[in-house]
Structure formats: C-alpha cells, structure tokens
Amino acid sequence: MSKTTNSVLAKHVFDALFKVVGRRTLDSFAVQILKTTLEKLQKRYEFLSLVIIHDDLFSEDGIHATFDTTFDQIDPSQLGEALEVLLRIIYLELIETIGNDVGLYFVKELKQHLGDEFTDELREKGVQFERIESQQYSRDKIKGWPGSPSSLKENLEQPIYTWEAVSTWKYQDNICLLYDSDGRLLDSLQLDLLIEDYVERVTESQKNPTMPSPKTMMLKLTEKEHELLQMMQHRDLDGESAVILLHVSRQKFESMIKKLLQMEMLQYQSEKEVRLTEKGLQYLTDFQKK
C-alpha cells in the first residue's frame, strides 16, 4: 500500500530534477526543461495535463506545481511509467544540449535528493533506476566517456558495429535488442526515444527546407540491399534462395524487402512476388555508370 499520494510523490520528483539540473545550468533552464518535457509527454500520458508547472515561481528549494484533484486517482503504475520516461528524456536532453559531462552521476544525485523513502516508493511504482543508470553507463561508454579527448575522438570515428553486422533482433519492454550472426548482443535501442527523435527531426526539416530530411538520411541502400537488386536484375529468385546467397537471416531479408518496397525500388507483382521497378532499374543503371 502506497504511503504517499501521487501529487506529493510527483512533486518530490520535480523538485529533485530541478536541483540536479539547476546545479549544472540555470534554475530558469531547469524549470523550462521540466515544463516542456511534461508538455511533450501529455500526448502519451494524458493525465500529465492535470499538472501545471509555474515557470515564474521557483526558489532554490524547488519549483511551484499545482495538481488537479483527480491526479491522485491515477493508477500508480501508470504514474511510475510516466515518471521514468520523464527522467530518461530529461537526462538525454541534458547531454544533447549541454554535453556528456552533464549526465555523469545524474541518477545517483537524483536519488540523493529524493531520499531513500521516496526512491523506494518510486521503485514500487515501477521506476527502474538501475535500468536508467545502466543505459546511462552504456551510452557514456559508447561515447567514449570518461576518457581523454583523443580516445573519445577515436571511439566516435570507429563505429562499434555496422548494419551489415546485424543478423537478428527482438523486442523486449520497449527495447530493441540487436544481435550478430553468432548471437552476440550488439546494441539495445530505446524505441520510444528513437521515435521521438525522428519525429522532432521531421518537424525541423519541414520548418527548415535546407535541412536534410530524416527519410533521405535513413533510407540509403546497404551493400546487401544493392546486391539483392543486382541479383533480381539478372535472375529469377525465390526468397529462400536469396537468403542463402546473401548470407542473411530470414528476418533481415524480409526487412530488406520492406525497405526496398518503401523506397519504390521494388513493387508487388502478386501477393507473394515482388519485382524491380523502373526506379530500381534506373538506380542500377546509374550505379554502373559511376
């Protein structure tokens, strides 16, 4: 049985975030990032519209927030999920806008400001601090942090893996796990954050026509996809044969077909057959001329 109302618990989370973010930036920025992130999340968690962050009323002790009386009737597990997403997004926004060093010890300091009692209550509601810390550590490790500027540059210039190395993947609790052909885990991707980032880039590209669109950046042919188009140009090919000749998994092959259909390089000839389009043939012709 929860000891604390939803509004009191959420207010403690807001205050802890305000202190952690404000220590690294300005108090006014801490309030704004909290307010704007909550507004973004209202599309996914409608009950967050029952919260108002007053950006003109804050002090060194915390922010001023008001809650509709119905906020305390929200399912605690739903609140826990929303608060965990709030923490993860603010952490990512901090390191993207200010730098990787801002994210160091983010969760540790947050728990210190919350105190053991509220940290335990949040855990009971589903907030997995350890998972956030693990993802934070993995991200920092991939970025080459901590470390010297030279080692950071070296890590960024040498990708940990390429798409060609990905053989299979599976979904688990909003995480996409990527594996190589030997079954080794290559990466874990946070799907909701990737989708949010993609939508934001679509919005920005529409506001700024000179900015490359995400579709253009994301939909580029890999070596295997190019090889598949060449094979289809010169022979009749069934799916099983293509999987064997390309040395890819069935799942990856189906993903390649879906992508090439989306790019209009292929089109359905029947319910189970696809063929090269004029666009696909023109791509191969242009490639041969290079």
C-alpha atoms as a PDB file:
ATOM      1  CA  MET A   1       0.000   0.000   0.000  1.00  0.00           C
ATOM      2  CA  SER A   2       1.468   3.340  -1.078  1.00  0.00           C
ATOM      3  CA  LYS A   3       2.221   5.759   1.730  1.00  0.00           C
ATOM      4  CA  THR A   4       2.276   8.875  -0.446  1.00  0.00           C
ATOM      5  CA  THR A   5      -0.256  10.470  -2.788  1.00  0.00           C
ATOM      6  CA  ASN A   6       0.543  10.778  -6.480  1.00  0.00           C
ATOM      7  CA  SER A   7       0.796  14.557  -6.297  1.00  0.00           C
ATOM      8  CA  VAL A   8       3.217  14.564  -3.352  1.00  0.00           C
ATOM      9  CA  LEU A   9       5.411  11.920  -4.959  1.00  0.00           C
ATOM     10  CA  ALA A  10       5.447  13.677  -8.335  1.00  0.00           C
ATOM     11  CA  LYS A  11       6.270  16.993  -6.643  1.00  0.00           C
ATOM     12  CA  HIS A  12       9.294  15.407  -4.965  1.00  0.00           C
ATOM     13  CA  VAL A  13      10.478  14.087  -8.345  1.00  0.00           C
ATOM     14  CA  PHE A  14      10.065  17.553  -9.912  1.00  0.00           C
ATOM     15  CA  ASP A  15      11.996  19.187  -7.065  1.00  0.00           C
ATOM     16  CA  ALA A  16      14.792  16.601  -7.286  1.00  0.00           C
ATOM     17  CA  LEU A  17      15.070  17.147 -11.039  1.00  0.00           C
ATOM     18  CA  PHE A  18      15.078  20.902 -10.517  1.00  0.00           C
ATOM     19  CA  LYS A  19      18.024  20.622  -8.119  1.00  0.00           C
ATOM     20  CA  VAL A  20      20.026  18.164 -10.242  1.00  0.00           C
ATOM     21  CA  VAL A  21      19.523  20.116 -13.484  1.00  0.00           C
ATOM     22  CA  GLY A  22      19.781  23.540 -11.826  1.00  0.00           C
ATOM     23  CA  ARG A  23      23.149  22.698 -10.273  1.00  0.00           C
ATOM     24  CA  ARG A  24      24.572  22.189 -13.759  1.00  0.00           C
ATOM     25  CA  THR A  25      22.755  25.022 -15.546  1.00  0.00           C
ATOM     26  CA  LEU A  26      20.452  27.895 -14.533  1.00  0.00           C
ATOM     27  CA  ASP A  27      17.411  27.452 -12.311  1.00  0.00           C
ATOM     28  CA  SER A  28      15.260  29.022 -15.016  1.00  0.00           C
ATOM     29  CA  PHE A  29      16.537  26.467 -17.555  1.00  0.00           C
ATOM     30  CA  ALA A  30      15.796  23.637 -15.115  1.00  0.00           C
ATOM     31  CA  VAL A  31      12.191  24.805 -14.809  1.00  0.00           C
ATOM     32  CA  GLN A  32      11.774  25.198 -18.557  1.00  0.00           C
ATOM     33  CA  ILE A  33      13.165  21.777 -19.471  1.00  0.00           C
ATOM     34  CA  LEU A  34      10.882  20.176 -16.874  1.00  0.00           C
ATOM     35  CA  LYS A  35       7.851  22.097 -18.112  1.00  0.00           C
ATOM     36  CA  THR A  36       8.433  21.469 -21.825  1.00  0.00           C
ATOM     37  CA  THR A  37       9.188  17.761 -21.314  1.00  0.00           C
ATOM     38  CA  LEU A  38       5.970  17.304 -19.339  1.00  0.00           C
ATOM     39  CA  GLU A  39       4.057  19.017 -22.143  1.00  0.00           C
ATOM     40  CA  LYS A  40       5.610  16.656 -24.709  1.00  0.00           C
ATOM     41  CA  LEU A  41       4.630  13.642 -22.647  1.00  0.00           C
ATOM     42  CA  GLN A  42       0.988  14.723 -22.370  1.00  0.00           C
ATOM     43  CA  LYS A  43       0.279  13.127 -25.760  1.00  0.00           C
ATOM     44  CA  ARG A  44       1.355   9.766 -24.372  1.00  0.00           C
ATOM     45  CA  TYR A  45       0.185  10.237 -20.766  1.00  0.00           C
ATOM     46  CA  GLU A  46      -2.920  12.419 -20.839  1.00  0.00           C
ATOM     47  CA  PHE A  47      -3.074  12.648 -17.048  1.00  0.00           C
ATOM     48  CA  LEU A  48       0.072  14.821 -17.068  1.00  0.00           C
ATOM     49  CA  SER A  49      -2.159  17.639 -18.340  1.00  0.00           C
ATOM     50  CA  LEU A  50      -3.527  17.676 -14.786  1.00  0.00           C
ATOM     51  CA  VAL A  51      -0.171  19.171 -13.682  1.00  0.00           C
ATOM     52  CA  ILE A  52       0.838  22.814 -14.083  1.00  0.00           C
ATOM     53  CA  ILE A  53       4.447  23.894 -13.646  1.00  0.00           C
ATOM     54  CA  HIS A  54       4.614  27.602 -12.819  1.00  0.00           C
ATOM     55  CA  ASP A  55       7.788  28.793 -14.504  1.00  0.00           C
ATOM     56  CA  ASP A  56       7.675  32.205 -12.810  1.00  0.00           C
ATOM     57  CA  LEU A  57       7.513  30.804  -9.269  1.00  0.00           C
ATOM     58  CA  PHE A  58      10.541  28.839  -8.076  1.00  0.00           C
ATOM     59  CA  SER A  59      13.231  29.044  -5.439  1.00  0.00           C
ATOM     60  CA  GLU A  60      16.411  27.194  -4.513  1.00  0.00           C
ATOM     61  CA  ASP A  61      14.244  24.668  -2.671  1.00  0.00           C
ATOM     62  CA  GLY A  62      12.195  23.637  -5.703  1.00  0.00           C
ATOM     63  CA  ILE A  63       9.534  24.520  -8.223  1.00  0.00           C
ATOM     64  CA  HIS A  64       5.892  25.522  -7.774  1.00  0.00           C
ATOM     65  CA  ALA A  65       3.477  22.990  -9.236  1.00  0.00           C
ATOM     66  CA  THR A  66      -0.272  22.610  -8.881  1.00  0.00           C
ATOM     67  CA  PHE A  67      -2.208  19.378  -9.401  1.00  0.00           C
ATOM     68  CA  ASP A  68      -5.833  18.777 -10.277  1.00  0.00           C
ATOM     69  CA  THR A  69      -7.547  16.816  -7.507  1.00  0.00           C
ATOM     70  CA  THR A  70      -8.119  13.870  -9.880  1.00  0.00           C
ATOM     71  CA  PHE A  71      -4.346  13.432 -10.283  1.00  0.00           C
ATOM     72  CA  ASP A  72      -4.256  11.400  -7.058  1.00  0.00           C
ATOM     73  CA  GLN A  73      -6.693   8.913  -8.591  1.00  0.00           C
ATOM     74  CA  ILE A  74      -4.307   7.910 -11.400  1.00  0.00           C
ATOM     75  CA  ASP A  75      -3.125   4.292 -11.347  1.00  0.00           C
ATOM     76  CA  PRO A  76       0.249   4.329  -9.501  1.00  0.00           C
ATOM     77  CA  SER A  77       1.857   2.049 -12.092  1.00  0.00           C
ATOM     78  CA  GLN A  78       0.906   4.482 -14.876  1.00  0.00           C
ATOM     79  CA  LEU A  79       2.405   7.327 -12.888  1.00  0.00           C
ATOM     80  CA  GLY A  80       5.577   5.329 -12.291  1.00  0.00           C
ATOM     81  CA  GLU A  81       5.949   4.624 -16.016  1.00  0.00           C
ATOM     82  CA  ALA A  82       5.442   8.296 -16.893  1.00  0.00           C
ATOM     83  CA  LEU A  83       7.944   9.472 -14.295  1.00  0.00           C
ATOM     84  CA  GLU A  84      10.589   7.014 -15.507  1.00  0.00           C
ATOM     85  CA  VAL A  85      10.171   8.242 -19.088  1.00  0.00           C
ATOM     86  CA  LEU A  86      10.383  11.831 -17.798  1.00  0.00           C
ATOM     87  CA  LEU A  87      13.715  11.086 -16.090  1.00  0.00           C
ATOM     88  CA  ARG A  88      15.175   9.366 -19.147  1.00  0.00           C
ATOM     89  CA  ILE A  89      14.162  12.121 -21.570  1.00  0.00           C
ATOM     90  CA  ILE A  90      15.468  14.934 -19.389  1.00  0.00           C
ATOM     91  CA  TYR A  91      18.761  13.074 -18.978  1.00  0.00           C
ATOM     92  CA  LEU A  92      19.084  12.686 -22.761  1.00  0.00           C
ATOM     93  CA  GLU A  93      18.119  16.308 -23.423  1.00  0.00           C
ATOM     94  CA  LEU A  94      20.756  17.475 -20.969  1.00  0.00           C
ATOM     95  CA  ILE A  95      23.606  15.613 -22.603  1.00  0.00           C
ATOM     96  CA  GLU A  96      22.433  16.584 -26.095  1.00  0.00           C
ATOM     97  CA  THR A  97      22.115  20.305 -25.342  1.00  0.00           C
ATOM     98  CA  ILE A  98      24.950  20.807 -22.856  1.00  0.00           C
ATOM     99  CA  GLY A  99      27.355  17.885 -23.068  1.00  0.00           C
ATOM    100  CA  ASN A 100      28.119  14.373 -21.859  1.00  0.00           C
ATOM    101  CA  ASP A 101      29.649  15.511 -18.586  1.00  0.00           C
ATOM    102  CA  VAL A 102      26.261  16.861 -17.502  1.00  0.00           C
ATOM    103  CA  GLY A 103      24.903  13.330 -17.415  1.00  0.00           C
ATOM    104  CA  LEU A 104      27.575  11.915 -15.106  1.00  0.00           C
ATOM    105  CA  TYR A 105      26.065  10.700 -11.810  1.00  0.00           C
ATOM    106  CA  PHE A 106      22.649  12.056 -12.873  1.00  0.00           C
ATOM    107  CA  VAL A 107      20.649   9.191 -11.345  1.00  0.00           C
ATOM    108  CA  LYS A 108      22.875   8.931  -8.260  1.00  0.00           C
ATOM    109  CA  GLU A 109      22.330  12.606  -7.406  1.00  0.00           C
ATOM    110  CA  LEU A 110      18.645  12.336  -8.199  1.00  0.00           C
ATOM    111  CA  LYS A 111      18.242   9.516  -5.664  1.00  0.00           C
ATOM    112  CA  GLN A 112      20.176  11.507  -3.066  1.00  0.00           C
ATOM    113  CA  HIS A 113      17.774  14.436  -3.424  1.00  0.00           C
ATOM    114  CA  LEU A 114      14.757  12.125  -3.359  1.00  0.00           C
ATOM    115  CA  GLY A 115      15.886  10.278  -0.247  1.00  0.00           C
ATOM    116  CA  ASP A 116      15.557   6.570   0.451  1.00  0.00           C
ATOM    117  CA  GLU A 117      11.857   6.650   1.304  1.00  0.00           C
ATOM    118  CA  PHE A 118      10.704   8.299  -1.930  1.00  0.00           C
ATOM    119  CA  THR A 119      13.220   6.320  -4.017  1.00  0.00           C
ATOM    120  CA  ASP A 120      11.762   3.082  -2.633  1.00  0.00           C
ATOM    121  CA  GLU A 121       8.202   4.255  -3.308  1.00  0.00           C
ATOM    122  CA  LEU A 122       9.086   5.091  -6.883  1.00  0.00           C
ATOM    123  CA  ARG A 123      10.599   1.628  -7.291  1.00  0.00           C
ATOM    124  CA  GLU A 124       7.333   0.139  -6.022  1.00  0.00           C
ATOM    125  CA  LYS A 125       5.540   2.100  -8.741  1.00  0.00           C
ATOM    126  CA  GLY A 126       7.819   0.683 -11.432  1.00  0.00           C
ATOM    127  CA  VAL A 127      10.580   3.284 -11.779  1.00  0.00           C
ATOM    128  CA  GLN A 128      13.711   1.246 -12.548  1.00  0.00           C
ATOM    129  CA  PHE A 129      16.585   3.479 -11.509  1.00  0.00           C
ATOM    130  CA  GLU A 130      19.097   0.710 -12.134  1.00  0.00           C
ATOM    131  CA  ARG A 131      17.965   0.360 -15.760  1.00  0.00           C
ATOM    132  CA  ILE A 132      18.314   4.101 -16.305  1.00  0.00           C
ATOM    133  CA  GLU A 133      21.807   4.003 -14.779  1.00  0.00           C
ATOM    134  CA  SER A 134      22.742   1.007 -16.938  1.00  0.00           C
ATOM    135  CA  GLN A 135      21.593   2.756 -20.108  1.00  0.00           C
ATOM    136  CA  GLN A 136      23.400   5.906 -18.998  1.00  0.00           C
ATOM    137  CA  TYR A 137      26.606   3.913 -18.443  1.00  0.00           C
ATOM    138  CA  SER A 138      26.266   2.150 -21.802  1.00  0.00           C
ATOM    139  CA  ARG A 139      25.732   5.427 -23.610  1.00  0.00           C
ATOM    140  CA  ASP A 140      28.707   7.059 -21.904  1.00  0.00           C
ATOM    141  CA  LYS A 141      30.864   4.022 -22.698  1.00  0.00           C
ATOM    142  CA  ILE A 142      29.863   4.110 -26.347  1.00  0.00           C
ATOM    143  CA  LYS A 143      30.545   7.840 -26.489  1.00  0.00           C
ATOM    144  CA  GLY A 144      33.995   7.181 -25.030  1.00  0.00           C
ATOM    145  CA  TRP A 145      33.277   8.970 -21.738  1.00  0.00           C
ATOM    146  CA  PRO A 146      35.044   9.263 -19.388  1.00  0.00           C
ATOM    147  CA  GLY A 147      38.347   9.420 -21.235  1.00  0.00           C
ATOM    148  CA  SER A 148      40.781  11.678 -22.961  1.00  0.00           C
ATOM    149  CA  PRO A 149      39.681  13.795 -25.958  1.00  0.00           C
ATOM    150  CA  SER A 150      41.827  11.609 -28.220  1.00  0.00           C
ATOM    151  CA  SER A 151      40.197   8.389 -27.052  1.00  0.00           C
ATOM    152  CA  LEU A 152      36.755   9.982 -27.402  1.00  0.00           C
ATOM    153  CA  LYS A 153      37.542  11.049 -30.977  1.00  0.00           C
ATOM    154  CA  GLU A 154      38.891   7.600 -31.785  1.00  0.00           C
ATOM    155  CA  ASN A 155      35.767   5.865 -30.469  1.00  0.00           C
ATOM    156  CA  LEU A 156      33.454   8.183 -32.366  1.00  0.00           C
ATOM    157  CA  GLU A 157      35.356   7.681 -35.616  1.00  0.00           C
ATOM    158  CA  GLN A 158      35.259   3.881 -35.310  1.00  0.00           C
ATOM    159  CA  PRO A 159      31.647   2.556 -35.152  1.00  0.00           C
ATOM    160  CA  ILE A 160      31.077  -0.285 -32.729  1.00  0.00           C
ATOM    161  CA  TYR A 161      29.145  -2.158 -35.419  1.00  0.00           C
ATOM    162  CA  THR A 162      27.578  -1.611 -38.838  1.00  0.00           C
ATOM    163  CA  TRP A 163      24.151  -2.577 -40.124  1.00  0.00           C
ATOM    164  CA  GLU A 164      25.785  -5.398 -42.081  1.00  0.00           C
ATOM    165  CA  ALA A 165      26.798  -6.979 -38.761  1.00  0.00           C
ATOM    166  CA  VAL A 166      23.189  -7.139 -37.543  1.00  0.00           C
ATOM    167  CA  SER A 167      21.714 -10.580 -38.140  1.00  0.00           C
ATOM    168  CA  THR A 168      18.601 -10.701 -35.952  1.00  0.00           C
ATOM    169  CA  TRP A 169      16.775  -8.622 -33.412  1.00  0.00           C
ATOM    170  CA  LYS A 170      13.962  -8.958 -30.909  1.00  0.00           C
ATOM    171  CA  TYR A 171      11.745  -6.618 -28.902  1.00  0.00           C
ATOM    172  CA  GLN A 172      11.502  -6.600 -25.140  1.00  0.00           C
ATOM    173  CA  ASP A 173       9.894  -3.951 -22.893  1.00  0.00           C
ATOM    174  CA  ASN A 174      10.221  -1.122 -25.447  1.00  0.00           C
ATOM    175  CA  ILE A 175      13.841  -2.153 -26.138  1.00  0.00           C
ATOM    176  CA  CYS A 176      15.056  -3.491 -29.489  1.00  0.00           C
ATOM    177  CA  LEU A 177      17.973  -5.880 -28.971  1.00  0.00           C
ATOM    178  CA  LEU A 178      20.341  -6.300 -31.940  1.00  0.00           C
ATOM    179  CA  TYR A 179      22.402  -9.496 -32.376  1.00  0.00           C
ATOM    180  CA  ASP A 180      25.118 -10.601 -34.775  1.00  0.00           C
ATOM    181  CA  SER A 181      25.182 -13.955 -36.601  1.00  0.00           C
ATOM    182  CA  ASP A 182      26.889 -15.599 -33.598  1.00  0.00           C
ATOM    183  CA  GLY A 183      24.124 -14.493 -31.242  1.00  0.00           C
ATOM    184  CA  ARG A 184      26.224 -11.775 -29.568  1.00  0.00           C
ATOM    185  CA  LEU A 185      24.345  -8.696 -28.379  1.00  0.00           C
ATOM    186  CA  LEU A 186      25.464  -5.672 -30.418  1.00  0.00           C
ATOM    187  CA  ASP A 187      23.200  -2.960 -29.058  1.00  0.00           C
ATOM    188  CA  SER A 188      19.967  -2.164 -27.229  1.00  0.00           C
ATOM    189  CA  LEU A 189      17.844   0.649 -28.629  1.00  0.00           C
ATOM    190  CA  GLN A 190      15.219   2.622 -26.686  1.00  0.00           C
ATOM    191  CA  LEU A 191      12.377   2.684 -29.208  1.00  0.00           C
ATOM    192  CA  ASP A 192      10.227   5.495 -27.808  1.00  0.00           C
ATOM    193  CA  LEU A 193      13.205   7.858 -27.630  1.00  0.00           C
ATOM    194  CA  LEU A 194      14.300   6.975 -31.174  1.00  0.00           C
ATOM    195  CA  ILE A 195      10.778   7.620 -32.449  1.00  0.00           C
ATOM    196  CA  GLU A 196      10.581  10.922 -30.598  1.00  0.00           C
ATOM    197  CA  ASP A 197      13.941  11.989 -32.030  1.00  0.00           C
ATOM    198  CA  TYR A 198      12.816  11.007 -35.543  1.00  0.00           C
ATOM    199  CA  VAL A 199       9.550  12.964 -35.265  1.00  0.00           C
ATOM    200  CA  GLU A 200      11.421  16.023 -33.993  1.00  0.00           C
ATOM    201  CA  ARG A 201      13.831  15.845 -36.951  1.00  0.00           C
ATOM    202  CA  VAL A 202      10.888  15.529 -39.363  1.00  0.00           C
ATOM    203  CA  THR A 203       9.360  18.642 -37.798  1.00  0.00           C
ATOM    204  CA  GLU A 204      12.646  20.547 -38.010  1.00  0.00           C
ATOM    205  CA  SER A 205      13.195  19.532 -41.650  1.00  0.00           C
ATOM    206  CA  GLN A 206       9.724  20.861 -42.510  1.00  0.00           C
ATOM    207  CA  LYS A 207      10.477  24.162 -40.796  1.00  0.00           C
ATOM    208  CA  ASN A 208      13.869  24.387 -42.487  1.00  0.00           C
ATOM    209  CA  PRO A 209      13.728  23.134 -46.112  1.00  0.00           C
ATOM    210  CA  THR A 210      17.531  23.272 -46.434  1.00  0.00           C
ATOM    211  CA  MET A 211      17.922  20.687 -43.694  1.00  0.00           C
ATOM    212  CA  PRO A 212      18.260  17.059 -44.972  1.00  0.00           C
ATOM    213  CA  SER A 213      15.068  15.143 -44.272  1.00  0.00           C
ATOM    214  CA  PRO A 214      15.263  12.083 -41.999  1.00  0.00           C
ATOM    215  CA  LYS A 215      13.812   9.948 -44.784  1.00  0.00           C
ATOM    216  CA  THR A 216      16.698  10.853 -47.055  1.00  0.00           C
ATOM    217  CA  MET A 217      19.263  10.189 -44.347  1.00  0.00           C
ATOM    218  CA  MET A 218      17.767   6.935 -43.106  1.00  0.00           C
ATOM    219  CA  LEU A 219      16.787   5.243 -46.369  1.00  0.00           C
ATOM    220  CA  LYS A 220      20.133   4.556 -48.013  1.00  0.00           C
ATOM    221  CA  LEU A 221      20.911   1.228 -49.629  1.00  0.00           C
ATOM    222  CA  THR A 222      23.241  -1.116 -47.808  1.00  0.00           C
ATOM    223  CA  GLU A 223      25.661  -3.384 -49.629  1.00  0.00           C
ATOM    224  CA  LYS A 224      23.323  -6.370 -49.163  1.00  0.00           C
ATOM    225  CA  GLU A 225      20.312  -4.451 -50.492  1.00  0.00           C
ATOM    226  CA  HIS A 226      22.308  -3.345 -53.528  1.00  0.00           C
ATOM    227  CA  GLU A 227      23.428  -6.939 -54.057  1.00  0.00           C
ATOM    228  CA  LEU A 228      19.820  -8.146 -53.881  1.00  0.00           C
ATOM    229  CA  LEU A 229      18.726  -5.676 -56.566  1.00  0.00           C
ATOM    230  CA  GLN A 230      21.563  -6.830 -58.824  1.00  0.00           C
ATOM    231  CA  MET A 231      20.607 -10.472 -58.308  1.00  0.00           C
ATOM    232  CA  MET A 232      16.972  -9.740 -59.140  1.00  0.00           C
ATOM    233  CA  GLN A 233      18.037  -7.930 -62.287  1.00  0.00           C
ATOM    234  CA  HIS A 234      19.860 -10.967 -63.689  1.00  0.00           C
ATOM    235  CA  ARG A 235      17.843 -13.963 -62.498  1.00  0.00           C
ATOM    236  CA  ASP A 236      14.509 -15.220 -61.207  1.00  0.00           C
ATOM    237  CA  LEU A 237      14.929 -15.562 -57.473  1.00  0.00           C
ATOM    238  CA  ASP A 238      12.811 -17.005 -54.683  1.00  0.00           C
ATOM    239  CA  GLY A 239      13.073 -15.861 -51.082  1.00  0.00           C
ATOM    240  CA  GLU A 240      14.821 -18.937 -49.714  1.00  0.00           C
ATOM    241  CA  SER A 241      17.490 -18.837 -52.402  1.00  0.00           C
ATOM    242  CA  ALA A 242      18.050 -15.122 -51.787  1.00  0.00           C
ATOM    243  CA  VAL A 243      18.528 -15.705 -48.049  1.00  0.00           C
ATOM    244  CA  ILE A 244      21.175 -18.354 -48.751  1.00  0.00           C
ATOM    245  CA  LEU A 245      23.008 -16.383 -51.452  1.00  0.00           C
ATOM    246  CA  LEU A 246      23.037 -13.155 -49.401  1.00  0.00           C
ATOM    247  CA  HIS A 247      24.045 -14.944 -46.174  1.00  0.00           C
ATOM    248  CA  VAL A 248      21.394 -13.141 -44.129  1.00  0.00           C
ATOM    249  CA  SER A 249      18.643 -14.277 -41.776  1.00  0.00           C
ATOM    250  CA  ARG A 250      15.062 -14.597 -42.972  1.00  0.00           C
ATOM    251  CA  GLN A 251      14.082 -11.741 -40.663  1.00  0.00           C
ATOM    252  CA  LYS A 252      16.725  -9.452 -42.129  1.00  0.00           C
ATOM    253  CA  PHE A 253      15.758 -10.415 -45.686  1.00  0.00           C
ATOM    254  CA  GLU A 254      12.127  -9.514 -45.027  1.00  0.00           C
ATOM    255  CA  SER A 255      13.263  -6.202 -43.569  1.00  0.00           C
ATOM    256  CA  MET A 256      15.304  -5.524 -46.722  1.00  0.00           C
ATOM    257  CA  ILE A 257      12.297  -6.251 -48.946  1.00  0.00           C
ATOM    258  CA  LYS A 258      10.069  -3.985 -46.874  1.00  0.00           C
ATOM    259  CA  LYS A 259      12.595  -1.150 -47.095  1.00  0.00           C
ATOM    260  CA  LEU A 260      13.060  -1.540 -50.873  1.00  0.00           C
ATOM    261  CA  LEU A 261       9.284  -1.511 -51.329  1.00  0.00           C
ATOM    262  CA  GLN A 262       9.106   1.667 -49.272  1.00  0.00           C
ATOM    263  CA  MET A 263      11.832   3.220 -51.455  1.00  0.00           C
ATOM    264  CA  GLU A 264       9.862   2.171 -54.562  1.00  0.00           C
ATOM    265  CA  MET A 265      12.830   0.134 -55.821  1.00  0.00           C
ATOM    266  CA  LEU A 266      10.539  -2.923 -55.760  1.00  0.00           C
ATOM    267  CA  GLN A 267       6.832  -3.414 -56.176  1.00  0.00           C
ATOM    268  CA  TYR A 268       4.421  -6.299 -55.705  1.00  0.00           C
ATOM    269  CA  GLN A 269       3.773  -8.360 -58.813  1.00  0.00           C
ATOM    270  CA  SER A 270       1.423 -10.670 -56.940  1.00  0.00           C
ATOM    271  CA  GLU A 271       0.574 -11.335 -53.305  1.00  0.00           C
ATOM    272  CA  LYS A 272       3.858 -13.197 -52.746  1.00  0.00           C
ATOM    273  CA  GLU A 273       6.070 -11.896 -55.563  1.00  0.00           C
ATOM    274  CA  VAL A 274       7.960  -8.649 -55.995  1.00  0.00           C
ATOM    275  CA  ARG A 275       9.841  -7.277 -58.982  1.00  0.00           C
ATOM    276  CA  LEU A 276      12.165  -4.418 -59.829  1.00  0.00           C
ATOM    277  CA  THR A 277      10.510  -1.097 -60.644  1.00  0.00           C
ATOM    278  CA  GLU A 278      11.698   1.456 -63.196  1.00  0.00           C
ATOM    279  CA  LYS A 279      13.175   3.364 -60.289  1.00  0.00           C
ATOM    280  CA  GLY A 280      15.088   0.267 -59.170  1.00  0.00           C
ATOM    281  CA  LEU A 281      16.380  -0.387 -62.693  1.00  0.00           C
ATOM    282  CA  GLN A 282      17.394   3.259 -63.080  1.00  0.00           C
ATOM    283  CA  TYR A 283      19.300   3.072 -59.786  1.00  0.00           C
ATOM    284  CA  LEU A 284      21.291   0.066 -61.034  1.00  0.00           C
ATOM    285  CA  THR A 285      21.963   1.753 -64.383  1.00  0.00           C
ATOM    286  CA  ASP A 286      23.179   4.933 -62.704  1.00  0.00           C
ATOM    287  CA  PHE A 287      25.357   2.914 -60.331  1.00  0.00           C
ATOM    288  CA  GLN A 288      27.051   1.067 -63.227  1.00  0.00           C
ATOM    289  CA  LYS A 289      27.893   4.396 -64.889  1.00  0.00           C
ATOM    290  CA  LYS A 290      29.807   5.598 -61.800  1.00  0.00           C
END
